[in-house]
Amino acid sequence: MKKIEEITTFLKNNSLLEWKLSCSAIDWDSLCQAKGGSVFFGVGLCTEKEPAVSIPFDILAFFLEAEKLRKFFDLAKVIVLIADTHALTNQFMTRNVVEKLSQQSTTTFEHIIKNLNLTSFEIRKASTMRLDSNLDTLFPAHAKLSNQYLIQEIADVIWMIRNDNLKLKLGWSIDSALEVSGHDERFFDLTMRELLPRQISFLFTSAGRTFDKHRQKVSPYISVKGEHRLLLTPNEPIGKKLREAEIIWSDKHFGGARKHLGDIIREFESLFGHLAGLSFEQKLQHINDVAMKGLL
């Protein structure tokens, strides 16, 4: 059983977590006794306006933080949930597009899990997970909600509470302000809290980052057409993209993007060992190449 002080110190020392926001969304009784339970993070396939075109490098923040949470709380498993049914709530997403993006995500995640030896991770599609259930049996009858995406999310969480001993949901926040300012995952998570059959805790990573001045903070797991950012893909030209970003920004910080990428490096090294003798660029390239090894 973990003590509140232990948990708070752990969260403070995780550079990718918005720890103050996370502390405000924790159910301390269940989290202190989370041993043997599960944690999950969901991966969307589109924004409110368009489908994803690539998987960003930032998604590694979820995999790294989930593994650190698993080890710290001695959890049984980490569930990586691909939100395919959720994507179909958008009219511009066809079944063919959803299936294509779902398969691309599955293949990429399988390589991350294998290459980083994340043996307690399990990839699921929401559509497959809930084959034996429907929204009517999972969604609270008294709830009056019109947001179909949120209804799908609540159904997922209730299913995992009942079947996976779910203790934690790992999401992301667009900023560190205590008041919700946008429709990032914190908006959905805080809305669903009162509708769950048993309380769980919600933890939040920082937003993903682009190199674009007009749109710096974005989803850590969706990259859309036209973004300038690092992608998680074989042969990603990281050095070239960093140099282009330096030109755009006229400095080496790229807004907050360099710090964010540095936090990913730091958490990777905390799990897998210090990358001695490598530059910032070389560390990023190493992490990308290790995660994507064997993916064509």
C-alpha atoms as a PDB file:
ATOM      1  CA  MET A   1       0.000   0.000   0.000  1.00  0.00           C
ATOM      2  CA  LYS A   2       1.377   3.379  -1.048  1.00  0.00           C
ATOM      3  CA  LYS A   3       1.247   6.465   1.117  1.00  0.00           C
ATOM      4  CA  ILE A   4      -0.036   9.777  -0.202  1.00  0.00           C
ATOM      5  CA  GLU A   5       3.357  11.396   0.417  1.00  0.00           C
ATOM      6  CA  GLU A   6       5.113   8.693  -1.634  1.00  0.00           C
ATOM      7  CA  ILE A   7       2.700   9.125  -4.523  1.00  0.00           C
ATOM      8  CA  THR A   8       2.974  12.921  -4.509  1.00  0.00           C
ATOM      9  CA  THR A   9       6.786  12.768  -4.574  1.00  0.00           C
ATOM     10  CA  PHE A  10       6.665  10.263  -7.429  1.00  0.00           C
ATOM     11  CA  LEU A  11       4.360  12.489  -9.478  1.00  0.00           C
ATOM     12  CA  LYS A  12       6.495  15.600  -8.841  1.00  0.00           C
ATOM     13  CA  ASN A  13       9.573  13.773 -10.112  1.00  0.00           C
ATOM     14  CA  ASN A  14       7.983  12.753 -13.415  1.00  0.00           C
ATOM     15  CA  SER A  15       8.821  15.551 -15.810  1.00  0.00           C
ATOM     16  CA  LEU A  16       6.206  14.587 -18.401  1.00  0.00           C
ATOM     17  CA  LEU A  17       3.310  14.712 -15.942  1.00  0.00           C
ATOM     18  CA  GLU A  18       1.246  17.751 -15.038  1.00  0.00           C
ATOM     19  CA  TRP A  19       1.486  16.704 -11.419  1.00  0.00           C
ATOM     20  CA  LYS A  20      -0.639  19.444  -9.822  1.00  0.00           C
ATOM     21  CA  LEU A  21      -3.503  18.768 -12.228  1.00  0.00           C
ATOM     22  CA  SER A  22      -3.103  15.056 -11.639  1.00  0.00           C
ATOM     23  CA  CYS A  23      -3.256  15.458  -7.857  1.00  0.00           C
ATOM     24  CA  SER A  24      -6.548  17.330  -8.243  1.00  0.00           C
ATOM     25  CA  ALA A  25      -8.085  14.354 -10.100  1.00  0.00           C
ATOM     26  CA  ILE A  26      -6.874  11.511  -7.872  1.00  0.00           C
ATOM     27  CA  ASP A  27      -9.067   9.261  -5.793  1.00  0.00           C
ATOM     28  CA  TRP A  28      -6.534   8.740  -3.029  1.00  0.00           C
ATOM     29  CA  ASP A  29      -8.174   5.775  -1.320  1.00  0.00           C
ATOM     30  CA  SER A  30      -8.192   3.594  -4.442  1.00  0.00           C
ATOM     31  CA  LEU A  31      -4.836   4.848  -5.718  1.00  0.00           C
ATOM     32  CA  CYS A  32      -3.030   4.036  -2.473  1.00  0.00           C
ATOM     33  CA  GLN A  33      -4.310   0.485  -2.936  1.00  0.00           C
ATOM     34  CA  ALA A  34      -3.811   0.245  -6.699  1.00  0.00           C
ATOM     35  CA  LYS A  35      -1.466  -2.766  -6.540  1.00  0.00           C
ATOM     36  CA  GLY A  36      -2.575  -5.522  -8.916  1.00  0.00           C
ATOM     37  CA  GLY A  37      -4.919  -3.244 -10.863  1.00  0.00           C
ATOM     38  CA  SER A  38      -4.511  -1.765 -14.318  1.00  0.00           C
ATOM     39  CA  VAL A  39      -3.822   1.545 -16.034  1.00  0.00           C
ATOM     40  CA  PHE A  40      -4.891   2.521 -19.529  1.00  0.00           C
ATOM     41  CA  PHE A  41      -4.403   5.271 -22.037  1.00  0.00           C
ATOM     42  CA  GLY A  42      -6.517   5.812 -25.130  1.00  0.00           C
ATOM     43  CA  VAL A  43      -5.217   6.700 -28.578  1.00  0.00           C
ATOM     44  CA  GLY A  44      -7.509   8.653 -30.890  1.00  0.00           C
ATOM     45  CA  LEU A  45      -7.498   8.443 -34.675  1.00  0.00           C
ATOM     46  CA  CYS A  46      -8.705  11.945 -35.499  1.00  0.00           C
ATOM     47  CA  THR A  47      -9.281  15.439 -34.205  1.00  0.00           C
ATOM     48  CA  GLU A  48     -12.701  17.089 -34.233  1.00  0.00           C
ATOM     49  CA  LYS A  49     -12.012  18.245 -37.791  1.00  0.00           C
ATOM     50  CA  GLU A  50      -9.753  15.761 -39.597  1.00  0.00           C
ATOM     51  CA  PRO A  51      -8.165  12.310 -39.506  1.00  0.00           C
ATOM     52  CA  ALA A  52      -4.652  11.646 -38.296  1.00  0.00           C
ATOM     53  CA  VAL A  53      -1.988  11.224 -40.961  1.00  0.00           C
ATOM     54  CA  SER A  54       0.916  10.074 -38.779  1.00  0.00           C
ATOM     55  CA  ILE A  55       1.845   8.986 -35.267  1.00  0.00           C
ATOM     56  CA  PRO A  56       3.938  11.659 -33.523  1.00  0.00           C
ATOM     57  CA  PHE A  57       7.132  11.020 -31.564  1.00  0.00           C
ATOM     58  CA  ASP A  58       5.358  12.491 -28.516  1.00  0.00           C
ATOM     59  CA  ILE A  59       3.259   9.350 -28.131  1.00  0.00           C
ATOM     60  CA  LEU A  60       6.258   7.770 -26.436  1.00  0.00           C
ATOM     61  CA  ALA A  61       5.422   9.947 -23.426  1.00  0.00           C
ATOM     62  CA  PHE A  62       2.372   7.743 -22.830  1.00  0.00           C
ATOM     63  CA  PHE A  63       4.294   4.492 -23.143  1.00  0.00           C
ATOM     64  CA  LEU A  64       7.100   5.685 -20.861  1.00  0.00           C
ATOM     65  CA  GLU A  65       4.842   7.166 -18.192  1.00  0.00           C
ATOM     66  CA  ALA A  66       2.514   4.163 -18.226  1.00  0.00           C
ATOM     67  CA  GLU A  67       5.468   1.849 -17.631  1.00  0.00           C
ATOM     68  CA  LYS A  68       6.721   4.011 -14.778  1.00  0.00           C
ATOM     69  CA  LEU A  69       3.251   3.980 -13.221  1.00  0.00           C
ATOM     70  CA  ARG A  70       3.031   0.208 -13.624  1.00  0.00           C
ATOM     71  CA  LYS A  71       6.329  -0.306 -11.837  1.00  0.00           C
ATOM     72  CA  PHE A  72       5.687   2.214  -9.066  1.00  0.00           C
ATOM     73  CA  PHE A  73       2.194   0.952  -8.192  1.00  0.00           C
ATOM     74  CA  ASP A  74       2.967  -2.699  -9.003  1.00  0.00           C
ATOM     75  CA  LEU A  75       0.102  -2.863 -11.487  1.00  0.00           C
ATOM     76  CA  ALA A  76      -0.797  -6.023 -13.371  1.00  0.00           C
ATOM     77  CA  LYS A  77      -1.058  -4.498 -16.830  1.00  0.00           C
ATOM     78  CA  VAL A  78      -1.139  -1.470 -19.085  1.00  0.00           C
ATOM     79  CA  ILE A  79      -3.944  -1.286 -21.649  1.00  0.00           C
ATOM     80  CA  VAL A  80      -3.358   0.692 -24.848  1.00  0.00           C
ATOM     81  CA  LEU A  81      -6.844   1.395 -26.179  1.00  0.00           C
ATOM     82  CA  ILE A  82      -7.296   2.339 -29.830  1.00  0.00           C
ATOM     83  CA  ALA A  83     -10.430   4.478 -30.013  1.00  0.00           C
ATOM     84  CA  ASP A  84     -11.857   3.186 -33.285  1.00  0.00           C
ATOM     85  CA  THR A  85     -15.560   3.299 -32.395  1.00  0.00           C
ATOM     86  CA  HIS A  86     -15.070   6.837 -31.088  1.00  0.00           C
ATOM     87  CA  ALA A  87     -13.652   7.998 -34.411  1.00  0.00           C
ATOM     88  CA  LEU A  88     -16.831   6.876 -36.177  1.00  0.00           C
ATOM     89  CA  THR A  89     -18.810   9.497 -34.229  1.00  0.00           C
ATOM     90  CA  ASN A  90     -17.291  12.018 -36.692  1.00  0.00           C
ATOM     91  CA  GLN A  91     -19.055  12.136 -40.055  1.00  0.00           C
ATOM     92  CA  PHE A  92     -15.804  12.596 -42.005  1.00  0.00           C
ATOM     93  CA  MET A  93     -14.400   9.281 -40.703  1.00  0.00           C
ATOM     94  CA  THR A  94     -15.423   6.290 -42.816  1.00  0.00           C
ATOM     95  CA  ARG A  95     -15.065   2.676 -41.700  1.00  0.00           C
ATOM     96  CA  ASN A  96     -12.298   2.127 -44.258  1.00  0.00           C
ATOM     97  CA  VAL A  97     -10.284   5.079 -42.970  1.00  0.00           C
ATOM     98  CA  VAL A  98     -10.804   4.014 -39.349  1.00  0.00           C
ATOM     99  CA  GLU A  99      -9.719   0.450 -40.099  1.00  0.00           C
ATOM    100  CA  LYS A 100      -6.617   1.654 -41.957  1.00  0.00           C
ATOM    101  CA  LEU A 101      -5.551   4.001 -39.155  1.00  0.00           C
ATOM    102  CA  SER A 102      -6.338   1.379 -36.507  1.00  0.00           C
ATOM    103  CA  GLN A 103      -4.099  -1.144 -38.223  1.00  0.00           C
ATOM    104  CA  GLN A 104      -1.278   1.380 -38.635  1.00  0.00           C
ATOM    105  CA  SER A 105      -1.496   2.237 -34.941  1.00  0.00           C
ATOM    106  CA  THR A 106      -1.572  -1.424 -33.918  1.00  0.00           C
ATOM    107  CA  THR A 107       1.514  -2.235 -35.975  1.00  0.00           C
ATOM    108  CA  THR A 108       3.457   0.742 -34.606  1.00  0.00           C
ATOM    109  CA  PHE A 109       2.472  -0.012 -31.008  1.00  0.00           C
ATOM    110  CA  GLU A 110       3.401  -3.682 -31.376  1.00  0.00           C
ATOM    111  CA  HIS A 111       6.913  -2.635 -32.373  1.00  0.00           C
ATOM    112  CA  ILE A 112       7.221  -0.169 -29.474  1.00  0.00           C
ATOM    113  CA  ILE A 113       6.127  -2.833 -27.001  1.00  0.00           C
ATOM    114  CA  LYS A 114       8.422  -5.499 -28.425  1.00  0.00           C
ATOM    115  CA  ASN A 115      11.466  -3.268 -28.844  1.00  0.00           C
ATOM    116  CA  LEU A 116      11.191  -1.686 -25.380  1.00  0.00           C
ATOM    117  CA  ASN A 117      10.331  -5.024 -23.759  1.00  0.00           C
ATOM    118  CA  LEU A 118       7.078  -3.704 -22.303  1.00  0.00           C
ATOM    119  CA  THR A 119       5.807  -7.177 -21.485  1.00  0.00           C
ATOM    120  CA  SER A 120       2.819  -6.049 -19.402  1.00  0.00           C
ATOM    121  CA  PHE A 121       1.295  -3.933 -22.195  1.00  0.00           C
ATOM    122  CA  GLU A 122      -1.827  -5.039 -24.067  1.00  0.00           C
ATOM    123  CA  ILE A 123      -3.185  -3.397 -27.240  1.00  0.00           C
ATOM    124  CA  ARG A 124      -6.956  -3.322 -27.693  1.00  0.00           C
ATOM    125  CA  LYS A 125      -9.452  -1.819 -30.062  1.00  0.00           C
ATOM    126  CA  ALA A 126     -12.532  -0.405 -28.369  1.00  0.00           C
ATOM    127  CA  SER A 127     -14.736  -2.184 -30.916  1.00  0.00           C
ATOM    128  CA  THR A 128     -13.225  -5.546 -30.015  1.00  0.00           C
ATOM    129  CA  MET A 129     -13.165  -4.941 -26.273  1.00  0.00           C
ATOM    130  CA  ARG A 130     -16.884  -4.270 -26.100  1.00  0.00           C
ATOM    131  CA  LEU A 131     -18.106  -7.045 -28.415  1.00  0.00           C
ATOM    132  CA  ASP A 132     -20.058  -8.613 -25.556  1.00  0.00           C
ATOM    133  CA  SER A 133     -21.622  -5.337 -24.452  1.00  0.00           C
ATOM    134  CA  ASN A 134     -23.420  -2.320 -25.868  1.00  0.00           C
ATOM    135  CA  LEU A 135     -23.785   1.284 -24.838  1.00  0.00           C
ATOM    136  CA  ASP A 136     -27.204   0.670 -23.305  1.00  0.00           C
ATOM    137  CA  THR A 137     -25.812  -1.826 -20.806  1.00  0.00           C
ATOM    138  CA  LEU A 138     -22.703   0.210 -19.956  1.00  0.00           C
ATOM    139  CA  PHE A 139     -23.737   3.848 -20.062  1.00  0.00           C
ATOM    140  CA  PRO A 140     -25.526   5.141 -16.933  1.00  0.00           C
ATOM    141  CA  ALA A 141     -29.251   5.346 -17.649  1.00  0.00           C
ATOM    142  CA  HIS A 142     -29.677   8.572 -15.657  1.00  0.00           C
ATOM    143  CA  ALA A 143     -26.944  10.464 -17.536  1.00  0.00           C
ATOM    144  CA  LYS A 144     -28.104  13.119 -19.961  1.00  0.00           C
ATOM    145  CA  LEU A 145     -25.246  13.613 -22.424  1.00  0.00           C
ATOM    146  CA  SER A 146     -25.290  14.409 -26.129  1.00  0.00           C
ATOM    147  CA  ASN A 147     -21.545  14.182 -26.812  1.00  0.00           C
ATOM    148  CA  GLN A 148     -21.214  10.786 -28.503  1.00  0.00           C
ATOM    149  CA  TYR A 149     -17.435  10.703 -28.117  1.00  0.00           C
ATOM    150  CA  LEU A 150     -17.772  11.195 -24.370  1.00  0.00           C
ATOM    151  CA  ILE A 151     -20.463   8.511 -24.174  1.00  0.00           C
ATOM    152  CA  GLN A 152     -18.072   6.072 -25.859  1.00  0.00           C
ATOM    153  CA  GLU A 153     -15.274   7.006 -23.438  1.00  0.00           C
ATOM    154  CA  ILE A 154     -17.451   6.479 -20.388  1.00  0.00           C
ATOM    155  CA  ALA A 155     -18.551   3.079 -21.705  1.00  0.00           C
ATOM    156  CA  ASP A 156     -14.917   2.053 -22.162  1.00  0.00           C
ATOM    157  CA  VAL A 157     -13.940   3.087 -18.650  1.00  0.00           C
ATOM    158  CA  ILE A 158     -16.922   1.322 -17.068  1.00  0.00           C
ATOM    159  CA  TRP A 159     -16.117  -1.855 -19.016  1.00  0.00           C
ATOM    160  CA  MET A 160     -12.512  -1.804 -17.785  1.00  0.00           C
ATOM    161  CA  ILE A 161     -13.533  -1.060 -14.203  1.00  0.00           C
ATOM    162  CA  ARG A 162     -15.697  -4.172 -14.298  1.00  0.00           C
ATOM    163  CA  ASN A 163     -13.324  -6.448 -16.222  1.00  0.00           C
ATOM    164  CA  ASP A 164      -9.750  -5.174 -15.687  1.00  0.00           C
ATOM    165  CA  ASN A 165      -9.750  -3.817 -12.146  1.00  0.00           C
ATOM    166  CA  LEU A 166      -9.006  -0.394 -13.617  1.00  0.00           C
ATOM    167  CA  LYS A 167      -7.340   2.013 -11.189  1.00  0.00           C
ATOM    168  CA  LEU A 168      -5.814   4.699 -13.399  1.00  0.00           C
ATOM    169  CA  LYS A 169      -6.486   6.535 -16.645  1.00  0.00           C
ATOM    170  CA  LEU A 170      -3.537   8.343 -18.199  1.00  0.00           C
ATOM    171  CA  GLY A 171      -4.539  11.274 -20.383  1.00  0.00           C
ATOM    172  CA  TRP A 172      -3.146  14.669 -21.389  1.00  0.00           C
ATOM    173  CA  SER A 173      -3.849  18.331 -20.760  1.00  0.00           C
ATOM    174  CA  ILE A 174      -3.403  21.262 -23.136  1.00  0.00           C
ATOM    175  CA  ASP A 175      -1.988  23.396 -20.296  1.00  0.00           C
ATOM    176  CA  SER A 176      -1.325  23.415 -16.562  1.00  0.00           C
ATOM    177  CA  ALA A 177      -4.177  25.751 -15.574  1.00  0.00           C
ATOM    178  CA  LEU A 178      -6.453  24.285 -12.904  1.00  0.00           C
ATOM    179  CA  GLU A 179      -9.537  25.454 -14.790  1.00  0.00           C
ATOM    180  CA  VAL A 180     -10.308  23.440 -17.917  1.00  0.00           C
ATOM    181  CA  SER A 181      -9.838  25.678 -20.965  1.00  0.00           C
ATOM    182  CA  GLY A 182     -10.336  23.339 -23.921  1.00  0.00           C
ATOM    183  CA  HIS A 183     -11.545  19.953 -25.093  1.00  0.00           C
ATOM    184  CA  ASP A 184      -8.412  17.999 -24.242  1.00  0.00           C
ATOM    185  CA  GLU A 185      -8.747  14.730 -22.339  1.00  0.00           C
ATOM    186  CA  ARG A 186      -9.121  16.555 -19.025  1.00  0.00           C
ATOM    187  CA  PHE A 187     -12.454  17.974 -20.166  1.00  0.00           C
ATOM    188  CA  PHE A 188     -13.793  14.476 -20.824  1.00  0.00           C
ATOM    189  CA  ASP A 189     -12.228  12.912 -17.739  1.00  0.00           C
ATOM    190  CA  LEU A 190     -13.578  15.441 -15.269  1.00  0.00           C
ATOM    191  CA  THR A 191     -17.035  15.171 -16.835  1.00  0.00           C
ATOM    192  CA  MET A 192     -17.162  11.384 -16.506  1.00  0.00           C
ATOM    193  CA  ARG A 193     -15.977  11.165 -12.893  1.00  0.00           C
ATOM    194  CA  GLU A 194     -19.460  11.473 -11.421  1.00  0.00           C
ATOM    195  CA  LEU A 195     -20.877   8.774 -13.711  1.00  0.00           C
ATOM    196  CA  LEU A 196     -18.573   5.879 -12.855  1.00  0.00           C
ATOM    197  CA  PRO A 197     -19.632   2.888 -10.696  1.00  0.00           C
ATOM    198  CA  ARG A 198     -16.341   3.047  -8.819  1.00  0.00           C
ATOM    199  CA  GLN A 199     -13.878   5.932  -8.596  1.00  0.00           C
ATOM    200  CA  ILE A 200     -10.554   5.783 -10.410  1.00  0.00           C
ATOM    201  CA  SER A 201      -7.733   8.319 -10.658  1.00  0.00           C
ATOM    202  CA  PHE A 202      -6.935  10.476 -13.671  1.00  0.00           C
ATOM    203  CA  LEU A 203      -3.351  11.494 -14.401  1.00  0.00           C
ATOM    204  CA  PHE A 204      -2.307  13.911 -17.144  1.00  0.00           C
ATOM    205  CA  THR A 205       0.796  14.237 -19.273  1.00  0.00           C
ATOM    206  CA  SER A 206       1.825  17.487 -20.902  1.00  0.00           C
ATOM    207  CA  ALA A 207       0.520  18.285 -24.371  1.00  0.00           C
ATOM    208  CA  GLY A 208       2.416  17.218 -27.451  1.00  0.00           C
ATOM    209  CA  ARG A 209       4.469  19.840 -29.260  1.00  0.00           C
ATOM    210  CA  THR A 210       4.911  21.016 -32.820  1.00  0.00           C
ATOM    211  CA  PHE A 211       7.543  23.381 -34.208  1.00  0.00           C
ATOM    212  CA  ASP A 212       4.789  25.707 -35.503  1.00  0.00           C
ATOM    213  CA  LYS A 213       4.503  29.069 -33.782  1.00  0.00           C
ATOM    214  CA  HIS A 214       0.765  29.372 -34.432  1.00  0.00           C
ATOM    215  CA  ARG A 215      -0.118  25.941 -33.027  1.00  0.00           C
ATOM    216  CA  GLN A 216       2.465  24.820 -30.510  1.00  0.00           C
ATOM    217  CA  LYS A 217       0.491  22.568 -28.144  1.00  0.00           C
ATOM    218  CA  VAL A 218      -1.370  19.623 -29.627  1.00  0.00           C
ATOM    219  CA  SER A 219      -2.412  16.042 -28.994  1.00  0.00           C
ATOM    220  CA  PRO A 220       0.537  13.776 -28.157  1.00  0.00           C
ATOM    221  CA  TYR A 221      -0.897  10.907 -30.224  1.00  0.00           C
ATOM    222  CA  ILE A 222      -2.384  12.526 -33.339  1.00  0.00           C
ATOM    223  CA  SER A 223      -0.454  14.291 -36.071  1.00  0.00           C
ATOM    224  CA  VAL A 224      -2.495  15.986 -38.793  1.00  0.00           C
ATOM    225  CA  LYS A 225      -1.654  17.211 -42.262  1.00  0.00           C
ATOM    226  CA  GLY A 226       0.684  20.208 -42.430  1.00  0.00           C
ATOM    227  CA  GLU A 227       2.202  20.000 -38.940  1.00  0.00           C
ATOM    228  CA  HIS A 228       5.917  20.499 -38.389  1.00  0.00           C
ATOM    229  CA  ARG A 229       6.902  18.051 -35.659  1.00  0.00           C
ATOM    230  CA  LEU A 230       8.871  14.888 -35.009  1.00  0.00           C
ATOM    231  CA  LEU A 231       7.112  11.693 -36.065  1.00  0.00           C
ATOM    232  CA  LEU A 232       7.572   8.167 -34.795  1.00  0.00           C
ATOM    233  CA  THR A 233       8.511   6.403 -37.981  1.00  0.00           C
ATOM    234  CA  PRO A 234      11.461   4.457 -39.412  1.00  0.00           C
ATOM    235  CA  ASN A 235      14.224   6.665 -40.817  1.00  0.00           C
ATOM    236  CA  GLU A 236      12.736   9.831 -39.309  1.00  0.00           C
ATOM    237  CA  PRO A 237      15.180  12.677 -40.211  1.00  0.00           C
ATOM    238  CA  ILE A 238      15.353  14.132 -36.707  1.00  0.00           C
ATOM    239  CA  GLY A 239      18.478  16.228 -37.219  1.00  0.00           C
ATOM    240  CA  LYS A 240      17.056  17.831 -40.347  1.00  0.00           C
ATOM    241  CA  LYS A 241      13.766  18.674 -38.613  1.00  0.00           C
ATOM    242  CA  LEU A 242      15.531  20.174 -35.599  1.00  0.00           C
ATOM    243  CA  ARG A 243      17.617  22.415 -37.843  1.00  0.00           C
ATOM    244  CA  GLU A 244      14.494  23.513 -39.730  1.00  0.00           C
ATOM    245  CA  ALA A 245      12.796  24.286 -36.407  1.00  0.00           C
ATOM    246  CA  GLU A 246      15.759  26.380 -35.325  1.00  0.00           C
ATOM    247  CA  ILE A 247      15.391  28.459 -38.474  1.00  0.00           C
ATOM    248  CA  ILE A 248      11.644  28.909 -37.874  1.00  0.00           C
ATOM    249  CA  TRP A 249      12.188  30.032 -34.273  1.00  0.00           C
ATOM    250  CA  SER A 250      15.634  31.672 -34.629  1.00  0.00           C
ATOM    251  CA  ASP A 251      16.711  29.841 -31.467  1.00  0.00           C
ATOM    252  CA  LYS A 252      17.317  26.295 -30.240  1.00  0.00           C
ATOM    253  CA  HIS A 253      14.372  26.124 -27.833  1.00  0.00           C
ATOM    254  CA  PHE A 254      11.603  25.979 -30.498  1.00  0.00           C
ATOM    255  CA  GLY A 255       9.146  27.487 -28.033  1.00  0.00           C
ATOM    256  CA  GLY A 256       8.628  24.754 -25.456  1.00  0.00           C
ATOM    257  CA  ALA A 257       9.247  21.891 -27.879  1.00  0.00           C
ATOM    258  CA  ARG A 258      12.912  21.329 -27.020  1.00  0.00           C
ATOM    259  CA  LYS A 259      12.160  21.086 -23.297  1.00  0.00           C
ATOM    260  CA  HIS A 260       9.299  18.663 -23.977  1.00  0.00           C
ATOM    261  CA  LEU A 261      11.526  16.444 -26.114  1.00  0.00           C
ATOM    262  CA  GLY A 262      14.187  16.656 -23.416  1.00  0.00           C
ATOM    263  CA  ASP A 263      11.630  15.405 -20.880  1.00  0.00           C
ATOM    264  CA  ILE A 264      10.922  12.391 -23.099  1.00  0.00           C
ATOM    265  CA  ILE A 265      14.665  11.685 -23.247  1.00  0.00           C
ATOM    266  CA  ARG A 266      14.916  12.002 -19.464  1.00  0.00           C
ATOM    267  CA  GLU A 267      12.082   9.546 -18.829  1.00  0.00           C
ATOM    268  CA  PHE A 268      13.467   7.103 -21.400  1.00  0.00           C
ATOM    269  CA  GLU A 269      16.850   7.184 -19.668  1.00  0.00           C
ATOM    270  CA  SER A 270      15.242   6.695 -16.240  1.00  0.00           C
ATOM    271  CA  LEU A 271      13.773   3.421 -17.504  1.00  0.00           C
ATOM    272  CA  PHE A 272      16.438   2.101 -19.867  1.00  0.00           C
ATOM    273  CA  GLY A 273      19.701   3.669 -18.778  1.00  0.00           C
ATOM    274  CA  HIS A 274      21.680   6.828 -19.494  1.00  0.00           C
ATOM    275  CA  LEU A 275      22.585   7.443 -23.134  1.00  0.00           C
ATOM    276  CA  ALA A 276      26.144   8.488 -22.377  1.00  0.00           C
ATOM    277  CA  GLY A 277      28.158  10.385 -24.943  1.00  0.00           C
ATOM    278  CA  LEU A 278      25.233  11.251 -27.216  1.00  0.00           C
ATOM    279  CA  SER A 279      24.052  14.741 -28.114  1.00  0.00           C
ATOM    280  CA  PHE A 280      20.423  15.872 -27.792  1.00  0.00           C
ATOM    281  CA  GLU A 281      19.817  15.122 -31.462  1.00  0.00           C
ATOM    282  CA  GLN A 282      21.555  11.749 -31.263  1.00  0.00           C
ATOM    283  CA  LYS A 283      19.531  10.721 -28.210  1.00  0.00           C
ATOM    284  CA  LEU A 284      16.272  11.509 -29.977  1.00  0.00           C
ATOM    285  CA  GLN A 285      17.399   9.594 -33.047  1.00  0.00           C
ATOM    286  CA  HIS A 286      18.478   6.641 -30.903  1.00  0.00           C
ATOM    287  CA  ILE A 287      15.132   6.497 -29.087  1.00  0.00           C
ATOM    288  CA  ASN A 288      13.218   6.677 -32.370  1.00  0.00           C
ATOM    289  CA  ASP A 289      15.350   4.010 -34.017  1.00  0.00           C
ATOM    290  CA  VAL A 290      15.124   1.639 -31.045  1.00  0.00           C
ATOM    291  CA  ALA A 291      11.334   2.017 -30.803  1.00  0.00           C
ATOM    292  CA  MET A 292      10.873   1.539 -34.560  1.00  0.00           C
ATOM    293  CA  LYS A 293      13.366  -1.297 -35.075  1.00  0.00           C
ATOM    294  CA  GLY A 294      12.008  -3.846 -37.541  1.00  0.00           C
ATOM    295  CA  LEU A 295       9.139  -1.653 -38.805  1.00  0.00           C
ATOM    296  CA  LEU A 296       9.238  -1.226 -42.570  1.00  0.00           C
END
